[in-house]
Amino acid sequence: MLSRLVIRPSGLIRTNHVTLNLNRSAYIHFKRKWDVNSYDENKELRKLWKNITDKEAVMSTISKRCEEPEKADWPKTNLITRRVGVIAKKLGYMSYWTRNGRSFPMCVLQVLDNAVMDTTLIGPDHVTGMYIAAGSMTAADIAKTPDYKLEPFHARSMHPRNHIQFMRTTVDALLPEKYVLDASHFRVGQFCDIMGKSIDRGFQGGMKRHGFKGLPASHGVSKAHRAIGAIGNRKDGVWKGTKMPGHMGGHRHYARCCRVVRIDYRNNLIFVHGRHVIGGETDILSIHDAWYYPPGDAVPLPTHFSARDGELPAECFWDEMIAPGSDTVTFKAF
């Protein structure tokens, strides 16, 4: 257990074991070597930690756990545990009502047929994670895809998929190859981070890209009404970072701390609060556990197992949300 936790203004969380940089989404800097022996829950993985390059030994231990999850000795979630995310498609927005009579928007995300393609224990950049493939190809897509892109799937006896993404995890949250992930990976009420690319607007001027006012409509202005105006008089060039016309959109952004308010396990739909999810409709996104508000023991580690965690209902709703079809909101008289 961590005996001391100090939050500093610089964005660093310092403890007696580990230093977490909150300014970066998936970066963990160890102040000193992690004492694995202090975690008794990882007895099997702890023996393989010294020889972690032996990928077959580690994956065989993980496969045995997943074959009989109800009998395995699973580790407990700790401060540095990081689960894998899922790849989803953005479908659009709708609204929901809370019990106090307020309406809020929520974004609808469809979890595609995610499957673990490969696992990296200690990569070239000292990162542990998994390659997640999602979006099954149709027969027409397979016919147009080059053979070198299909070989990795044929070697693993997997159906070819359109999207592949590497996601960082910790050793205690690894999953075996070809394991399928769905919406049951998350729980209602938890916070999640959503990563995607913003809508690509192409080359745009200063008024649309940065919200500049522009020049006057009259009083001597000719054919320069949407110009940005003066950019300074520095002799050795323009200041770096000056807001000017250029390419707009198409960049990777995170929507932090989105609360999951509803999950449709039957159709693999996840509903998150707010309208700040990046990207347009049908865009591909990735959903992860929130970095600033980790779910802790509220979510299953490393994922949901029906034999261990039990069967889930068709739909789950947040406690503050009124389920569709329920009674009308009532207000008490003063």
C-alpha atoms as a PDB file:
ATOM      1  CA  MET A   1       0.000   0.000   0.000  1.00  0.00           C
ATOM      2  CA  LEU A   2       1.112   3.564  -0.697  1.00  0.00           C
ATOM      3  CA  SER A   3       1.646   5.438   2.529  1.00  0.00           C
ATOM      4  CA  ARG A   4       2.003   8.961   1.119  1.00  0.00           C
ATOM      5  CA  LEU A   5       0.274  10.758  -1.741  1.00  0.00           C
ATOM      6  CA  VAL A   6       1.115  14.372  -2.599  1.00  0.00           C
ATOM      7  CA  ILE A   7      -0.369  16.309  -5.531  1.00  0.00           C
ATOM      8  CA  ARG A   8       1.858  19.112  -6.792  1.00  0.00           C
ATOM      9  CA  PRO A   9       0.844  22.092  -8.976  1.00  0.00           C
ATOM     10  CA  SER A  10       3.192  20.934 -11.735  1.00  0.00           C
ATOM     11  CA  GLY A  11       0.870  18.031 -12.506  1.00  0.00           C
ATOM     12  CA  LEU A  12       3.004  15.344 -10.830  1.00  0.00           C
ATOM     13  CA  ILE A  13       1.688  12.892  -8.257  1.00  0.00           C
ATOM     14  CA  ARG A  14       4.550  11.759  -6.040  1.00  0.00           C
ATOM     15  CA  THR A  15       4.303   8.719  -3.809  1.00  0.00           C
ATOM     16  CA  ASN A  16       6.796   6.548  -2.000  1.00  0.00           C
ATOM     17  CA  HIS A  17       6.838   4.113  -4.948  1.00  0.00           C
ATOM     18  CA  VAL A  18       6.055   5.905  -8.166  1.00  0.00           C
ATOM     19  CA  THR A  19       5.837   9.315  -9.823  1.00  0.00           C
ATOM     20  CA  LEU A  20       2.941   9.869 -12.254  1.00  0.00           C
ATOM     21  CA  ASN A  21       3.028  12.702 -14.755  1.00  0.00           C
ATOM     22  CA  LEU A  22      -0.593  13.776 -15.232  1.00  0.00           C
ATOM     23  CA  ASN A  23       0.307  16.177 -18.040  1.00  0.00           C
ATOM     24  CA  ARG A  24       0.696  13.187 -20.393  1.00  0.00           C
ATOM     25  CA  SER A  25      -2.076  10.668 -20.857  1.00  0.00           C
ATOM     26  CA  ALA A  26      -0.126   7.406 -20.788  1.00  0.00           C
ATOM     27  CA  TYR A  27       3.288   8.184 -19.289  1.00  0.00           C
ATOM     28  CA  ILE A  28       4.569   6.620 -16.090  1.00  0.00           C
ATOM     29  CA  HIS A  29       8.003   7.581 -14.797  1.00  0.00           C
ATOM     30  CA  PHE A  30       9.352   5.387 -12.030  1.00  0.00           C
ATOM     31  CA  LYS A  31      11.229   7.308  -9.383  1.00  0.00           C
ATOM     32  CA  ARG A  32      12.921   4.066  -8.443  1.00  0.00           C
ATOM     33  CA  LYS A  33      12.591   0.447  -9.454  1.00  0.00           C
ATOM     34  CA  TRP A  34       9.132  -0.867  -8.664  1.00  0.00           C
ATOM     35  CA  ASP A  35       9.201  -3.372  -5.840  1.00  0.00           C
ATOM     36  CA  VAL A  36       7.130  -6.157  -7.400  1.00  0.00           C
ATOM     37  CA  ASN A  37       7.533  -8.342  -4.328  1.00  0.00           C
ATOM     38  CA  SER A  38       5.270  -5.973  -2.364  1.00  0.00           C
ATOM     39  CA  TYR A  39       2.246  -7.126  -4.396  1.00  0.00           C
ATOM     40  CA  ASP A  40       1.224 -10.598  -3.261  1.00  0.00           C
ATOM     41  CA  GLU A  41      -1.651 -10.715  -5.741  1.00  0.00           C
ATOM     42  CA  ASN A  42       0.739 -11.168  -8.677  1.00  0.00           C
ATOM     43  CA  LYS A  43       2.377 -14.351  -7.451  1.00  0.00           C
ATOM     44  CA  GLU A  44       2.527 -16.056 -10.838  1.00  0.00           C
ATOM     45  CA  LEU A  45       3.468 -12.993 -12.850  1.00  0.00           C
ATOM     46  CA  ARG A  46       5.941 -11.922 -10.191  1.00  0.00           C
ATOM     47  CA  LYS A  47       8.022 -15.056 -10.847  1.00  0.00           C
ATOM     48  CA  LEU A  48       8.189 -14.170 -14.533  1.00  0.00           C
ATOM     49  CA  TRP A  49       8.990 -10.499 -13.964  1.00  0.00           C
ATOM     50  CA  LYS A  50      12.751 -11.101 -13.796  1.00  0.00           C
ATOM     51  CA  ASN A  51      12.603 -12.918 -17.126  1.00  0.00           C
ATOM     52  CA  ILE A  52       9.906 -10.814 -18.741  1.00  0.00           C
ATOM     53  CA  THR A  53      11.420 -11.218 -22.194  1.00  0.00           C
ATOM     54  CA  ASP A  54      10.093 -14.780 -22.146  1.00  0.00           C
ATOM     55  CA  LYS A  55       6.831 -13.905 -23.858  1.00  0.00           C
ATOM     56  CA  GLU A  56       5.569 -17.485 -24.183  1.00  0.00           C
ATOM     57  CA  ALA A  57       5.819 -18.106 -20.440  1.00  0.00           C
ATOM     58  CA  VAL A  58       3.943 -14.916 -19.574  1.00  0.00           C
ATOM     59  CA  MET A  59       1.219 -15.473 -22.172  1.00  0.00           C
ATOM     60  CA  SER A  60       0.708 -19.080 -21.113  1.00  0.00           C
ATOM     61  CA  THR A  61       0.056 -17.906 -17.551  1.00  0.00           C
ATOM     62  CA  ILE A  62      -2.416 -15.310 -18.801  1.00  0.00           C
ATOM     63  CA  SER A  63      -4.172 -17.839 -21.051  1.00  0.00           C
ATOM     64  CA  LYS A  64      -4.650 -20.233 -18.133  1.00  0.00           C
ATOM     65  CA  ARG A  65      -6.247 -17.458 -16.112  1.00  0.00           C
ATOM     66  CA  CYS A  66      -8.686 -16.591 -18.895  1.00  0.00           C
ATOM     67  CA  GLU A  67      -9.664 -20.231 -19.524  1.00  0.00           C
ATOM     68  CA  GLU A  68     -10.979 -20.638 -15.971  1.00  0.00           C
ATOM     69  CA  PRO A  69     -11.448 -17.073 -14.686  1.00  0.00           C
ATOM     70  CA  GLU A  70     -13.609 -18.117 -11.749  1.00  0.00           C
ATOM     71  CA  LYS A  71     -10.798 -20.274 -10.316  1.00  0.00           C
ATOM     72  CA  ALA A  72      -7.820 -18.032 -11.090  1.00  0.00           C
ATOM     73  CA  ASP A  73      -6.106 -15.843  -8.499  1.00  0.00           C
ATOM     74  CA  TRP A  74      -6.606 -12.426 -10.077  1.00  0.00           C
ATOM     75  CA  PRO A  75      -4.564  -9.414  -8.922  1.00  0.00           C
ATOM     76  CA  LYS A  76      -6.198  -6.387  -7.393  1.00  0.00           C
ATOM     77  CA  THR A  77      -6.243  -2.983  -9.060  1.00  0.00           C
ATOM     78  CA  ASN A  78      -3.470  -0.722  -7.791  1.00  0.00           C
ATOM     79  CA  LEU A  79      -2.269   2.808  -8.511  1.00  0.00           C
ATOM     80  CA  ILE A  80      -0.448   2.037 -11.754  1.00  0.00           C
ATOM     81  CA  THR A  81      -2.838  -0.559 -13.218  1.00  0.00           C
ATOM     82  CA  ARG A  82      -3.838   0.361 -16.770  1.00  0.00           C
ATOM     83  CA  ARG A  83      -6.374  -1.690 -18.706  1.00  0.00           C
ATOM     84  CA  VAL A  84      -6.594  -1.929 -22.451  1.00  0.00           C
ATOM     85  CA  GLY A  85      -9.106   0.198 -24.353  1.00  0.00           C
ATOM     86  CA  VAL A  86     -11.499  -0.576 -27.200  1.00  0.00           C
ATOM     87  CA  ILE A  87     -12.033   0.801 -30.696  1.00  0.00           C
ATOM     88  CA  ALA A  88     -15.477   2.275 -31.342  1.00  0.00           C
ATOM     89  CA  LYS A  89     -17.432   4.188 -33.982  1.00  0.00           C
ATOM     90  CA  LYS A  90     -19.140   7.486 -33.265  1.00  0.00           C
ATOM     91  CA  LEU A  91     -22.812   7.327 -34.256  1.00  0.00           C
ATOM     92  CA  GLY A  92     -24.099  10.732 -33.169  1.00  0.00           C
ATOM     93  CA  TYR A  93     -25.777  12.521 -30.267  1.00  0.00           C
ATOM     94  CA  MET A  94     -29.026  12.271 -28.349  1.00  0.00           C
ATOM     95  CA  SER A  95     -30.321  13.587 -25.018  1.00  0.00           C
ATOM     96  CA  TYR A  96     -31.216  12.099 -21.664  1.00  0.00           C
ATOM     97  CA  TRP A  97     -33.049  13.309 -18.558  1.00  0.00           C
ATOM     98  CA  THR A  98     -31.889  13.278 -14.970  1.00  0.00           C
ATOM     99  CA  ARG A  99     -34.044  12.755 -11.901  1.00  0.00           C
ATOM    100  CA  ASN A 100     -34.048  16.456 -11.063  1.00  0.00           C
ATOM    101  CA  GLY A 101     -35.685  17.284 -14.422  1.00  0.00           C
ATOM    102  CA  ARG A 102     -32.654  18.484 -16.400  1.00  0.00           C
ATOM    103  CA  SER A 103     -31.807  17.416 -19.946  1.00  0.00           C
ATOM    104  CA  PHE A 104     -28.242  16.783 -21.092  1.00  0.00           C
ATOM    105  CA  PRO A 105     -26.705  15.634 -24.388  1.00  0.00           C
ATOM    106  CA  MET A 106     -24.902  12.340 -24.689  1.00  0.00           C
ATOM    107  CA  CYS A 107     -22.774  10.774 -27.418  1.00  0.00           C
ATOM    108  CA  VAL A 108     -23.525   7.308 -28.792  1.00  0.00           C
ATOM    109  CA  LEU A 109     -20.499   5.073 -29.450  1.00  0.00           C
ATOM    110  CA  GLN A 110     -20.685   1.617 -30.986  1.00  0.00           C
ATOM    111  CA  VAL A 111     -17.959  -0.802 -29.922  1.00  0.00           C
ATOM    112  CA  LEU A 112     -16.797  -2.724 -32.974  1.00  0.00           C
ATOM    113  CA  ASP A 113     -15.773  -6.387 -32.927  1.00  0.00           C
ATOM    114  CA  ASN A 114     -12.517  -5.824 -31.057  1.00  0.00           C
ATOM    115  CA  ALA A 115     -10.011  -8.651 -30.748  1.00  0.00           C
ATOM    116  CA  VAL A 116      -6.496  -8.876 -29.351  1.00  0.00           C
ATOM    117  CA  MET A 117      -4.120  -9.315 -32.266  1.00  0.00           C
ATOM    118  CA  ASP A 118      -0.719  -9.329 -30.590  1.00  0.00           C
ATOM    119  CA  THR A 119       0.975  -8.543 -27.288  1.00  0.00           C
ATOM    120  CA  THR A 120       4.171  -6.613 -26.636  1.00  0.00           C
ATOM    121  CA  LEU A 121       5.773  -7.130 -23.246  1.00  0.00           C
ATOM    122  CA  ILE A 122       8.817  -4.888 -23.369  1.00  0.00           C
ATOM    123  CA  GLY A 123       9.050  -3.137 -26.710  1.00  0.00           C
ATOM    124  CA  PRO A 124      11.883  -1.007 -28.125  1.00  0.00           C
ATOM    125  CA  ASP A 125      10.608   1.995 -26.158  1.00  0.00           C
ATOM    126  CA  HIS A 126      10.127  -0.047 -22.942  1.00  0.00           C
ATOM    127  CA  VAL A 127       6.338  -0.143 -23.332  1.00  0.00           C
ATOM    128  CA  THR A 128       3.955  -2.984 -22.555  1.00  0.00           C
ATOM    129  CA  GLY A 129       0.715  -3.139 -24.498  1.00  0.00           C
ATOM    130  CA  MET A 130      -1.521  -4.934 -26.969  1.00  0.00           C
ATOM    131  CA  TYR A 131      -2.477  -4.518 -30.597  1.00  0.00           C
ATOM    132  CA  ILE A 132      -6.271  -4.329 -30.916  1.00  0.00           C
ATOM    133  CA  ALA A 133      -7.924  -5.041 -34.277  1.00  0.00           C
ATOM    134  CA  ALA A 134     -11.501  -3.995 -34.997  1.00  0.00           C
ATOM    135  CA  GLY A 135     -13.958  -3.649 -37.872  1.00  0.00           C
ATOM    136  CA  SER A 136     -14.324  -6.900 -39.791  1.00  0.00           C
ATOM    137  CA  MET A 137     -13.631  -6.632 -43.510  1.00  0.00           C
ATOM    138  CA  THR A 138     -16.230  -7.595 -46.072  1.00  0.00           C
ATOM    139  CA  ALA A 139     -15.517  -9.920 -48.966  1.00  0.00           C
ATOM    140  CA  ALA A 140     -15.116  -6.918 -51.282  1.00  0.00           C
ATOM    141  CA  ASP A 141     -12.619  -5.278 -48.906  1.00  0.00           C
ATOM    142  CA  ILE A 142     -10.565  -8.462 -48.618  1.00  0.00           C
ATOM    143  CA  ALA A 143     -10.376  -8.760 -52.405  1.00  0.00           C
ATOM    144  CA  LYS A 144      -8.978  -5.215 -52.705  1.00  0.00           C
ATOM    145  CA  THR A 145      -6.541  -5.480 -49.778  1.00  0.00           C
ATOM    146  CA  PRO A 146      -2.902  -6.380 -50.572  1.00  0.00           C
ATOM    147  CA  ASP A 147      -1.677  -9.756 -49.390  1.00  0.00           C
ATOM    148  CA  TYR A 148       0.984  -8.319 -47.095  1.00  0.00           C
ATOM    149  CA  LYS A 149      -1.763  -6.652 -45.029  1.00  0.00           C
ATOM    150  CA  LEU A 150      -3.734  -9.892 -44.722  1.00  0.00           C
ATOM    151  CA  GLU A 151      -0.803 -12.132 -43.765  1.00  0.00           C
ATOM    152  CA  PRO A 152      -0.762 -11.108 -40.055  1.00  0.00           C
ATOM    153  CA  PHE A 153      -4.423 -12.130 -39.741  1.00  0.00           C
ATOM    154  CA  HIS A 154      -4.023 -15.408 -41.631  1.00  0.00           C
ATOM    155  CA  ALA A 155      -1.024 -16.332 -39.454  1.00  0.00           C
ATOM    156  CA  ARG A 156      -3.217 -15.969 -36.334  1.00  0.00           C
ATOM    157  CA  SER A 157      -6.320 -17.581 -37.877  1.00  0.00           C
ATOM    158  CA  MET A 158      -8.260 -14.341 -37.478  1.00  0.00           C
ATOM    159  CA  HIS A 159     -10.753 -12.688 -39.757  1.00  0.00           C
ATOM    160  CA  PRO A 160      -9.150  -9.594 -41.379  1.00  0.00           C
ATOM    161  CA  ARG A 161     -10.087  -6.268 -39.835  1.00  0.00           C
ATOM    162  CA  ASN A 162      -9.914  -2.687 -41.013  1.00  0.00           C
ATOM    163  CA  HIS A 163      -8.438  -0.955 -37.966  1.00  0.00           C
ATOM    164  CA  ILE A 164      -5.405  -1.851 -35.848  1.00  0.00           C
ATOM    165  CA  GLN A 165      -4.260   0.217 -32.891  1.00  0.00           C
ATOM    166  CA  PHE A 166      -1.605  -0.254 -30.223  1.00  0.00           C
ATOM    167  CA  MET A 167      -2.778   0.413 -26.664  1.00  0.00           C
ATOM    168  CA  ARG A 168      -0.608   0.570 -23.586  1.00  0.00           C
ATOM    169  CA  THR A 169      -1.367  -1.662 -20.633  1.00  0.00           C
ATOM    170  CA  THR A 170       0.303  -3.019 -17.540  1.00  0.00           C
ATOM    171  CA  VAL A 171       1.371  -6.638 -17.153  1.00  0.00           C
ATOM    172  CA  ASP A 172      -1.493  -7.501 -14.818  1.00  0.00           C
ATOM    173  CA  ALA A 173      -4.047  -6.374 -17.447  1.00  0.00           C
ATOM    174  CA  LEU A 174      -2.815  -8.359 -20.448  1.00  0.00           C
ATOM    175  CA  LEU A 175      -5.130 -10.636 -22.419  1.00  0.00           C
ATOM    176  CA  PRO A 176      -4.396 -13.627 -24.678  1.00  0.00           C
ATOM    177  CA  GLU A 177      -4.426 -13.359 -28.438  1.00  0.00           C
ATOM    178  CA  LYS A 178      -7.748 -13.526 -30.305  1.00  0.00           C
ATOM    179  CA  TYR A 179      -9.654 -12.569 -27.152  1.00  0.00           C
ATOM    180  CA  VAL A 180     -12.800 -10.607 -28.066  1.00  0.00           C
ATOM    181  CA  LEU A 181     -13.669  -7.333 -26.302  1.00  0.00           C
ATOM    182  CA  ASP A 182     -17.094  -5.703 -26.252  1.00  0.00           C
ATOM    183  CA  ALA A 183     -19.096  -3.106 -24.323  1.00  0.00           C
ATOM    184  CA  SER A 184     -18.979  -5.234 -21.137  1.00  0.00           C
ATOM    185  CA  HIS A 185     -15.401  -4.013 -20.721  1.00  0.00           C
ATOM    186  CA  PHE A 186     -16.799  -0.818 -19.161  1.00  0.00           C
ATOM    187  CA  ARG A 187     -19.245  -0.027 -16.379  1.00  0.00           C
ATOM    188  CA  VAL A 188     -21.960   2.592 -15.980  1.00  0.00           C
ATOM    189  CA  GLY A 189     -20.898   5.600 -13.924  1.00  0.00           C
ATOM    190  CA  GLN A 190     -17.167   5.375 -14.601  1.00  0.00           C
ATOM    191  CA  PHE A 191     -15.142   8.049 -16.371  1.00  0.00           C
ATOM    192  CA  CYS A 192     -13.358   7.342 -19.633  1.00  0.00           C
ATOM    193  CA  ASP A 193     -11.018   9.131 -22.034  1.00  0.00           C
ATOM    194  CA  ILE A 194     -11.922   9.144 -25.730  1.00  0.00           C
ATOM    195  CA  MET A 195      -9.238   9.706 -28.345  1.00  0.00           C
ATOM    196  CA  GLY A 196      -9.872  10.539 -31.983  1.00  0.00           C
ATOM    197  CA  LYS A 197      -9.081  12.904 -34.829  1.00  0.00           C
ATOM    198  CA  SER A 198     -10.856  16.201 -35.293  1.00  0.00           C
ATOM    199  CA  ILE A 199     -12.798  16.906 -38.490  1.00  0.00           C
ATOM    200  CA  ASP A 200     -10.373  17.847 -41.263  1.00  0.00           C
ATOM    201  CA  ARG A 201     -11.306  21.313 -42.591  1.00  0.00           C
ATOM    202  CA  GLY A 202      -8.357  21.734 -44.929  1.00  0.00           C
ATOM    203  CA  PHE A 203      -6.670  25.115 -45.453  1.00  0.00           C
ATOM    204  CA  GLN A 204      -8.679  27.856 -43.749  1.00  0.00           C
ATOM    205  CA  GLY A 205      -8.235  31.548 -43.115  1.00  0.00           C
ATOM    206  CA  GLY A 206      -7.646  33.320 -39.852  1.00  0.00           C
ATOM    207  CA  MET A 207     -11.303  34.158 -39.227  1.00  0.00           C
ATOM    208  CA  LYS A 208     -12.479  30.553 -39.316  1.00  0.00           C
ATOM    209  CA  ARG A 209      -9.347  28.927 -37.925  1.00  0.00           C
ATOM    210  CA  HIS A 210      -8.725  31.290 -34.999  1.00  0.00           C
ATOM    211  CA  GLY A 211     -11.912  33.352 -34.769  1.00  0.00           C
ATOM    212  CA  PHE A 212     -10.362  36.655 -35.837  1.00  0.00           C
ATOM    213  CA  LYS A 213     -12.648  39.647 -36.284  1.00  0.00           C
ATOM    214  CA  GLY A 214     -11.323  40.609 -39.708  1.00  0.00           C
ATOM    215  CA  LEU A 215     -10.977  44.094 -41.168  1.00  0.00           C
ATOM    216  CA  PRO A 216     -13.738  46.720 -41.477  1.00  0.00           C
ATOM    217  CA  ALA A 217     -16.391  46.373 -44.156  1.00  0.00           C
ATOM    218  CA  SER A 218     -15.846  49.936 -45.449  1.00  0.00           C
ATOM    219  CA  HIS A 219     -13.767  53.066 -44.792  1.00  0.00           C
ATOM    220  CA  GLY A 220     -11.068  52.378 -47.305  1.00  0.00           C
ATOM    221  CA  VAL A 221     -10.791  48.575 -47.050  1.00  0.00           C
ATOM    222  CA  SER A 222     -10.695  46.983 -50.493  1.00  0.00           C
ATOM    223  CA  LYS A 223     -10.775  43.210 -51.060  1.00  0.00           C
ATOM    224  CA  ALA A 224      -9.182  42.491 -47.649  1.00  0.00           C
ATOM    225  CA  HIS A 225     -12.207  42.202 -45.373  1.00  0.00           C
ATOM    226  CA  ARG A 226     -11.245  38.719 -44.122  1.00  0.00           C
ATOM    227  CA  ALA A 227      -7.538  39.396 -43.773  1.00  0.00           C
ATOM    228  CA  ILE A 228      -5.867  38.829 -40.400  1.00  0.00           C
ATOM    229  CA  GLY A 229      -4.206  42.253 -40.281  1.00  0.00           C
ATOM    230  CA  ALA A 230      -0.721  43.057 -38.994  1.00  0.00           C
ATOM    231  CA  ILE A 231       1.493  40.243 -37.724  1.00  0.00           C
ATOM    232  CA  GLY A 232       4.159  42.375 -36.011  1.00  0.00           C
ATOM    233  CA  ASN A 233       7.328  44.130 -37.057  1.00  0.00           C
ATOM    234  CA  ARG A 234      10.010  41.774 -35.863  1.00  0.00           C
ATOM    235  CA  LYS A 235      13.106  42.322 -37.985  1.00  0.00           C
ATOM    236  CA  ASP A 236      14.345  38.717 -38.068  1.00  0.00           C
ATOM    237  CA  GLY A 237      11.014  37.160 -39.071  1.00  0.00           C
ATOM    238  CA  VAL A 238       7.607  36.306 -37.703  1.00  0.00           C
ATOM    239  CA  TRP A 239       7.202  35.226 -34.099  1.00  0.00           C
ATOM    240  CA  LYS A 240       6.930  31.476 -33.708  1.00  0.00           C
ATOM    241  CA  GLY A 241       3.405  30.372 -32.954  1.00  0.00           C
ATOM    242  CA  THR A 242       1.750  33.405 -34.544  1.00  0.00           C
ATOM    243  CA  LYS A 243      -1.863  32.664 -35.425  1.00  0.00           C
ATOM    244  CA  MET A 244      -2.102  32.697 -39.189  1.00  0.00           C
ATOM    245  CA  PRO A 245      -4.075  30.926 -41.939  1.00  0.00           C
ATOM    246  CA  GLY A 246      -3.181  27.266 -42.389  1.00  0.00           C
ATOM    247  CA  HIS A 247      -4.375  23.691 -42.163  1.00  0.00           C
ATOM    248  CA  MET A 248      -7.292  23.248 -39.768  1.00  0.00           C
ATOM    249  CA  GLY A 249      -8.396  20.004 -38.155  1.00  0.00           C
ATOM    250  CA  GLY A 250      -7.228  16.453 -38.690  1.00  0.00           C
ATOM    251  CA  HIS A 251      -5.304  16.371 -35.414  1.00  0.00           C
ATOM    252  CA  ARG A 252      -5.508  13.875 -32.569  1.00  0.00           C
ATOM    253  CA  HIS A 253      -7.354  15.089 -29.486  1.00  0.00           C
ATOM    254  CA  TYR A 254      -8.585  13.608 -26.211  1.00  0.00           C
ATOM    255  CA  ALA A 255     -11.988  14.097 -24.632  1.00  0.00           C
ATOM    256  CA  ARG A 256     -11.117  13.727 -20.965  1.00  0.00           C
ATOM    257  CA  CYS A 257     -13.254  12.372 -18.157  1.00  0.00           C
ATOM    258  CA  CYS A 258     -16.437  11.495 -20.065  1.00  0.00           C
ATOM    259  CA  ARG A 259     -18.933   9.822 -17.755  1.00  0.00           C
ATOM    260  CA  VAL A 260     -20.605   6.656 -19.005  1.00  0.00           C
ATOM    261  CA  VAL A 261     -24.341   7.144 -18.394  1.00  0.00           C
ATOM    262  CA  ARG A 262     -25.780   4.170 -20.271  1.00  0.00           C
ATOM    263  CA  ILE A 263     -24.559   0.906 -21.814  1.00  0.00           C
ATOM    264  CA  ASP A 264     -26.509  -1.296 -24.183  1.00  0.00           C
ATOM    265  CA  TYR A 265     -24.743  -4.636 -23.865  1.00  0.00           C
ATOM    266  CA  ARG A 266     -27.001  -6.265 -26.433  1.00  0.00           C
ATOM    267  CA  ASN A 267     -25.983  -3.917 -29.269  1.00  0.00           C
ATOM    268  CA  ASN A 268     -22.528  -2.959 -27.917  1.00  0.00           C
ATOM    269  CA  LEU A 269     -23.455   0.702 -27.490  1.00  0.00           C
ATOM    270  CA  ILE A 270     -21.842   3.054 -24.971  1.00  0.00           C
ATOM    271  CA  PHE A 271     -23.494   6.394 -24.149  1.00  0.00           C
ATOM    272  CA  VAL A 272     -21.236   9.094 -22.662  1.00  0.00           C
ATOM    273  CA  HIS A 273     -22.231  12.464 -21.244  1.00  0.00           C
ATOM    274  CA  GLY A 274     -21.597  15.675 -23.196  1.00  0.00           C
ATOM    275  CA  ARG A 275     -21.030  16.944 -26.704  1.00  0.00           C
ATOM    276  CA  HIS A 276     -17.246  17.312 -26.544  1.00  0.00           C
ATOM    277  CA  VAL A 277     -16.362  13.947 -28.131  1.00  0.00           C
ATOM    278  CA  ILE A 278     -13.972  14.672 -30.976  1.00  0.00           C
ATOM    279  CA  GLY A 279     -14.643  13.756 -34.610  1.00  0.00           C
ATOM    280  CA  GLY A 280     -17.680  13.490 -36.856  1.00  0.00           C
ATOM    281  CA  GLU A 281     -20.269  10.798 -37.313  1.00  0.00           C
ATOM    282  CA  THR A 282     -18.945   7.339 -38.321  1.00  0.00           C
ATOM    283  CA  ASP A 283     -15.422   8.359 -37.246  1.00  0.00           C
ATOM    284  CA  ILE A 284     -13.280   5.762 -35.490  1.00  0.00           C
ATOM    285  CA  LEU A 285     -12.376   6.492 -31.858  1.00  0.00           C
ATOM    286  CA  SER A 286     -10.664   4.686 -29.005  1.00  0.00           C
ATOM    287  CA  ILE A 287     -12.086   4.513 -25.477  1.00  0.00           C
ATOM    288  CA  HIS A 288      -9.864   4.098 -22.405  1.00  0.00           C
ATOM    289  CA  ASP A 289     -10.290   4.275 -18.665  1.00  0.00           C
ATOM    290  CA  ALA A 290      -9.950   7.860 -17.447  1.00  0.00           C
ATOM    291  CA  TRP A 291      -6.408   8.830 -16.540  1.00  0.00           C
ATOM    292  CA  TYR A 292      -7.309  11.588 -14.072  1.00  0.00           C
ATOM    293  CA  TYR A 293     -10.184   9.619 -12.466  1.00  0.00           C
ATOM    294  CA  PRO A 294      -9.176   5.940 -12.608  1.00  0.00           C
ATOM    295  CA  PRO A 295     -12.116   3.588 -12.018  1.00  0.00           C
ATOM    296  CA  GLY A 296     -10.250   1.389  -9.556  1.00  0.00           C
ATOM    297  CA  ASP A 297     -12.203  -1.648  -8.376  1.00  0.00           C
ATOM    298  CA  ALA A 298     -15.392  -0.466 -10.102  1.00  0.00           C
ATOM    299  CA  VAL A 299     -14.357  -2.197 -13.340  1.00  0.00           C
ATOM    300  CA  PRO A 300     -13.306  -5.836 -13.823  1.00  0.00           C
ATOM    301  CA  LEU A 301      -9.619  -6.591 -14.267  1.00  0.00           C
ATOM    302  CA  PRO A 302      -8.458  -7.256 -16.943  1.00  0.00           C
ATOM    303  CA  THR A 303     -11.941  -7.367 -18.509  1.00  0.00           C
ATOM    304  CA  HIS A 304     -15.391  -8.845 -17.937  1.00  0.00           C
ATOM    305  CA  PHE A 305     -15.710 -12.624 -17.642  1.00  0.00           C
ATOM    306  CA  SER A 306     -19.199 -14.076 -17.492  1.00  0.00           C
ATOM    307  CA  ALA A 307     -18.013 -17.087 -15.484  1.00  0.00           C
ATOM    308  CA  ARG A 308     -16.395 -14.841 -12.865  1.00  0.00           C
ATOM    309  CA  ASP A 309     -18.476 -11.632 -12.869  1.00  0.00           C
ATOM    310  CA  GLY A 310     -21.857 -13.085 -13.820  1.00  0.00           C
ATOM    311  CA  GLU A 311     -24.222 -12.297 -16.666  1.00  0.00           C
ATOM    312  CA  LEU A 312     -25.034  -8.665 -17.416  1.00  0.00           C
ATOM    313  CA  PRO A 313     -28.515  -7.305 -18.193  1.00  0.00           C
ATOM    314  CA  ALA A 314     -29.442  -6.080 -21.645  1.00  0.00           C
ATOM    315  CA  GLU A 315     -29.043  -2.424 -20.589  1.00  0.00           C
ATOM    316  CA  CYS A 316     -27.632  -0.521 -17.635  1.00  0.00           C
ATOM    317  CA  PHE A 317     -28.345   3.094 -16.684  1.00  0.00           C
ATOM    318  CA  TRP A 318     -26.600   5.617 -14.467  1.00  0.00           C
ATOM    319  CA  ASP A 319     -28.277   6.194 -11.101  1.00  0.00           C
ATOM    320  CA  GLU A 320     -29.016   9.858 -11.900  1.00  0.00           C
ATOM    321  CA  MET A 321     -30.442   9.040 -15.343  1.00  0.00           C
ATOM    322  CA  ILE A 322     -34.085   8.282 -16.032  1.00  0.00           C
ATOM    323  CA  ALA A 323     -34.401   5.144 -18.142  1.00  0.00           C
ATOM    324  CA  PRO A 324     -36.467   5.503 -21.335  1.00  0.00           C
ATOM    325  CA  GLY A 325     -40.021   4.302 -20.781  1.00  0.00           C
ATOM    326  CA  SER A 326     -40.002   4.886 -17.039  1.00  0.00           C
ATOM    327  CA  ASP A 327     -42.355   7.121 -15.072  1.00  0.00           C
ATOM    328  CA  THR A 328     -42.531  10.851 -15.693  1.00  0.00           C
ATOM    329  CA  VAL A 329     -40.372  13.149 -13.584  1.00  0.00           C
ATOM    330  CA  THR A 330     -42.263  14.406 -10.529  1.00  0.00           C
ATOM    331  CA  PHE A 331     -41.403  17.451  -8.434  1.00  0.00           C
ATOM    332  CA  LYS A 332     -42.212  17.913  -4.773  1.00  0.00           C
ATOM    333  CA  ALA A 333     -44.173  20.980  -3.769  1.00  0.00           C
ATOM    334  CA  PHE A 334     -42.388  23.586  -1.703  1.00  0.00           C
END
